[in-house]
Amino acid sequence: MSLRITRKNIELASKWTPSIVTYGTGAWLSLLYFTDWKAVVRYIPFYGSKFQE
């Protein structure tokens, strides 16, 4: 079974890219929210102010 990237595959990938980026961003932000990952979250404007000492 050979793997070929055809014009149709590229067209389908370009249609799915915005959805993949949106869901990936949402998943990343959910992970930060539920884990309270201070090393990254403290640099987010407004939300990171709760970690200032």
N, C-alpha and C. Protein backbone atom coordinates (compact mmCIF):
# COMPACT_ATOMS: atom_id res chain seq x y z
N MET A 1 0.85 -1.18 0.00
CA MET A 1 0.00 0.00 0.00
C MET A 1 0.89 1.24 0.00
N SER A 2 0.81 2.00 -1.04
CA SER A 2 1.65 3.19 -1.13
C SER A 2 0.88 4.42 -0.66
N LEU A 3 1.60 5.31 -0.08
CA LEU A 3 1.01 6.56 0.42
C LEU A 3 1.31 7.67 -0.57
N ARG A 4 0.24 8.19 -1.17
CA ARG A 4 0.40 9.27 -2.12
C ARG A 4 -0.42 10.46 -1.66
N ILE A 5 0.18 11.60 -1.71
CA ILE A 5 -0.54 12.84 -1.39
C ILE A 5 -1.05 13.42 -2.70
N THR A 6 -2.35 13.35 -2.85
CA THR A 6 -2.95 13.82 -4.09
C THR A 6 -3.54 15.21 -3.89
N ARG A 7 -4.02 15.75 -4.97
CA ARG A 7 -4.64 17.07 -4.93
C ARG A 7 -5.88 17.05 -4.03
N LYS A 8 -6.62 15.95 -4.06
CA LYS A 8 -7.82 15.83 -3.22
C LYS A 8 -7.44 15.82 -1.74
N ASN A 9 -6.35 15.13 -1.37
CA ASN A 9 -5.90 15.12 0.02
C ASN A 9 -5.53 16.51 0.50
N ILE A 10 -4.87 17.27 -0.34
CA ILE A 10 -4.48 18.64 0.02
C ILE A 10 -5.72 19.51 0.18
N GLU A 11 -6.69 19.33 -0.70
CA GLU A 11 -7.94 20.10 -0.61
C GLU A 11 -8.69 19.78 0.69
N LEU A 12 -8.77 18.50 1.04
CA LEU A 12 -9.44 18.11 2.28
C LEU A 12 -8.71 18.66 3.51
N ALA A 13 -7.38 18.59 3.48
CA ALA A 13 -6.59 19.10 4.60
C ALA A 13 -6.79 20.60 4.78
N SER A 14 -6.87 21.32 3.67
CA SER A 14 -7.06 22.77 3.78
C SER A 14 -8.44 23.12 4.32
N LYS A 15 -9.42 22.28 4.07
CA LYS A 15 -10.77 22.53 4.61
C LYS A 15 -10.85 22.22 6.11
N TRP A 16 -10.08 21.23 6.57
CA TRP A 16 -10.13 20.83 7.97
C TRP A 16 -9.18 21.64 8.87
N THR A 17 -8.24 22.35 8.31
CA THR A 17 -7.24 23.07 9.10
C THR A 17 -7.84 24.06 10.09
N PRO A 18 -8.80 24.92 9.74
CA PRO A 18 -9.36 25.85 10.73
C PRO A 18 -10.01 25.13 11.92
N SER A 19 -10.70 24.03 11.65
CA SER A 19 -11.34 23.28 12.73
C SER A 19 -10.30 22.65 13.65
N ILE A 20 -9.26 22.10 13.06
CA ILE A 20 -8.21 21.47 13.86
C ILE A 20 -7.51 22.50 14.74
N VAL A 21 -7.23 23.66 14.19
CA VAL A 21 -6.59 24.72 14.97
C VAL A 21 -7.49 25.20 16.09
N THR A 22 -8.78 25.37 15.81
CA THR A 22 -9.73 25.83 16.82
C THR A 22 -9.85 24.83 17.97
N TYR A 23 -10.06 23.57 17.65
CA TYR A 23 -10.19 22.55 18.69
C TYR A 23 -8.87 22.36 19.45
N GLY A 24 -7.76 22.44 18.76
CA GLY A 24 -6.47 22.32 19.44
C GLY A 24 -6.22 23.45 20.41
N THR A 25 -6.57 24.67 20.01
CA THR A 25 -6.42 25.82 20.90
C THR A 25 -7.34 25.70 22.11
N GLY A 26 -8.56 25.28 21.88
CA GLY A 26 -9.50 25.08 22.98
C GLY A 26 -9.02 24.01 23.95
N ALA A 27 -8.49 22.93 23.43
CA ALA A 27 -7.96 21.86 24.28
C ALA A 27 -6.77 22.35 25.10
N TRP A 28 -5.89 23.13 24.49
CA TRP A 28 -4.72 23.67 25.18
C TRP A 28 -5.14 24.62 26.30
N LEU A 29 -6.08 25.50 26.02
CA LEU A 29 -6.55 26.43 27.04
C LEU A 29 -7.29 25.71 28.16
N SER A 30 -8.03 24.67 27.83
CA SER A 30 -8.71 23.87 28.86
C SER A 30 -7.69 23.17 29.75
N LEU A 31 -6.65 22.66 29.15
CA LEU A 31 -5.59 22.01 29.94
C LEU A 31 -4.97 23.01 30.91
N LEU A 32 -4.68 24.21 30.43
CA LEU A 32 -4.10 25.22 31.32
C LEU A 32 -5.06 25.62 32.43
N TYR A 33 -6.34 25.71 32.11
CA TYR A 33 -7.33 26.12 33.10
C TYR A 33 -7.50 25.05 34.19
N PHE A 34 -7.63 23.81 33.79
CA PHE A 34 -7.90 22.75 34.76
C PHE A 34 -6.67 22.31 35.53
N THR A 35 -5.47 22.47 34.97
CA THR A 35 -4.27 22.07 35.69
C THR A 35 -3.66 23.22 36.47
N ASP A 36 -4.06 24.45 36.15
CA ASP A 36 -3.53 25.63 36.80
C ASP A 36 -2.00 25.65 36.72
N TRP A 37 -1.49 25.50 35.55
CA TRP A 37 -0.08 25.40 35.27
C TRP A 37 0.56 26.78 35.41
N LYS A 38 1.10 27.06 36.60
CA LYS A 38 1.58 28.39 36.95
C LYS A 38 2.73 28.88 36.07
N ALA A 39 3.56 28.00 35.60
CA ALA A 39 4.71 28.41 34.81
C ALA A 39 4.29 29.10 33.51
N VAL A 40 3.14 28.75 32.97
CA VAL A 40 2.68 29.35 31.73
C VAL A 40 1.56 30.35 31.98
N VAL A 41 0.64 29.99 32.89
CA VAL A 41 -0.56 30.79 33.11
C VAL A 41 -0.24 32.18 33.66
N ARG A 42 0.85 32.33 34.40
CA ARG A 42 1.14 33.64 34.98
C ARG A 42 1.48 34.70 33.93
N TYR A 43 1.76 34.30 32.69
CA TYR A 43 2.06 35.25 31.62
C TYR A 43 0.84 35.62 30.78
N ILE A 44 -0.32 35.03 31.08
CA ILE A 44 -1.55 35.37 30.36
C ILE A 44 -2.12 36.64 30.98
N PRO A 45 -2.39 37.68 30.16
CA PRO A 45 -2.90 38.94 30.71
C PRO A 45 -4.20 38.73 31.49
N PHE A 46 -4.37 39.47 32.54
CA PHE A 46 -5.53 39.48 33.42
C PHE A 46 -5.64 38.21 34.26
N TYR A 47 -5.54 37.03 33.64
CA TYR A 47 -5.66 35.78 34.39
C TYR A 47 -4.43 35.55 35.25
N GLY A 48 -3.26 35.92 34.75
CA GLY A 48 -2.01 35.69 35.46
C GLY A 48 -1.81 36.60 36.68
N SER A 49 -2.64 37.62 36.82
CA SER A 49 -2.47 38.54 37.94
C SER A 49 -2.78 37.88 39.28
N LYS A 50 -3.47 36.76 39.30
CA LYS A 50 -3.77 36.11 40.58
C LYS A 50 -2.54 35.42 41.15
N PHE A 51 -1.46 35.30 40.38
CA PHE A 51 -0.25 34.67 40.85
C PHE A 51 0.82 35.66 41.30
N GLN A 52 0.55 36.94 41.19
CA GLN A 52 1.54 37.92 41.59
C GLN A 52 1.67 37.93 43.11
N GLU A 53 2.92 38.05 43.54
CA GLU A 53 3.18 38.03 45.00
C GLU A 53 3.58 39.40 45.48
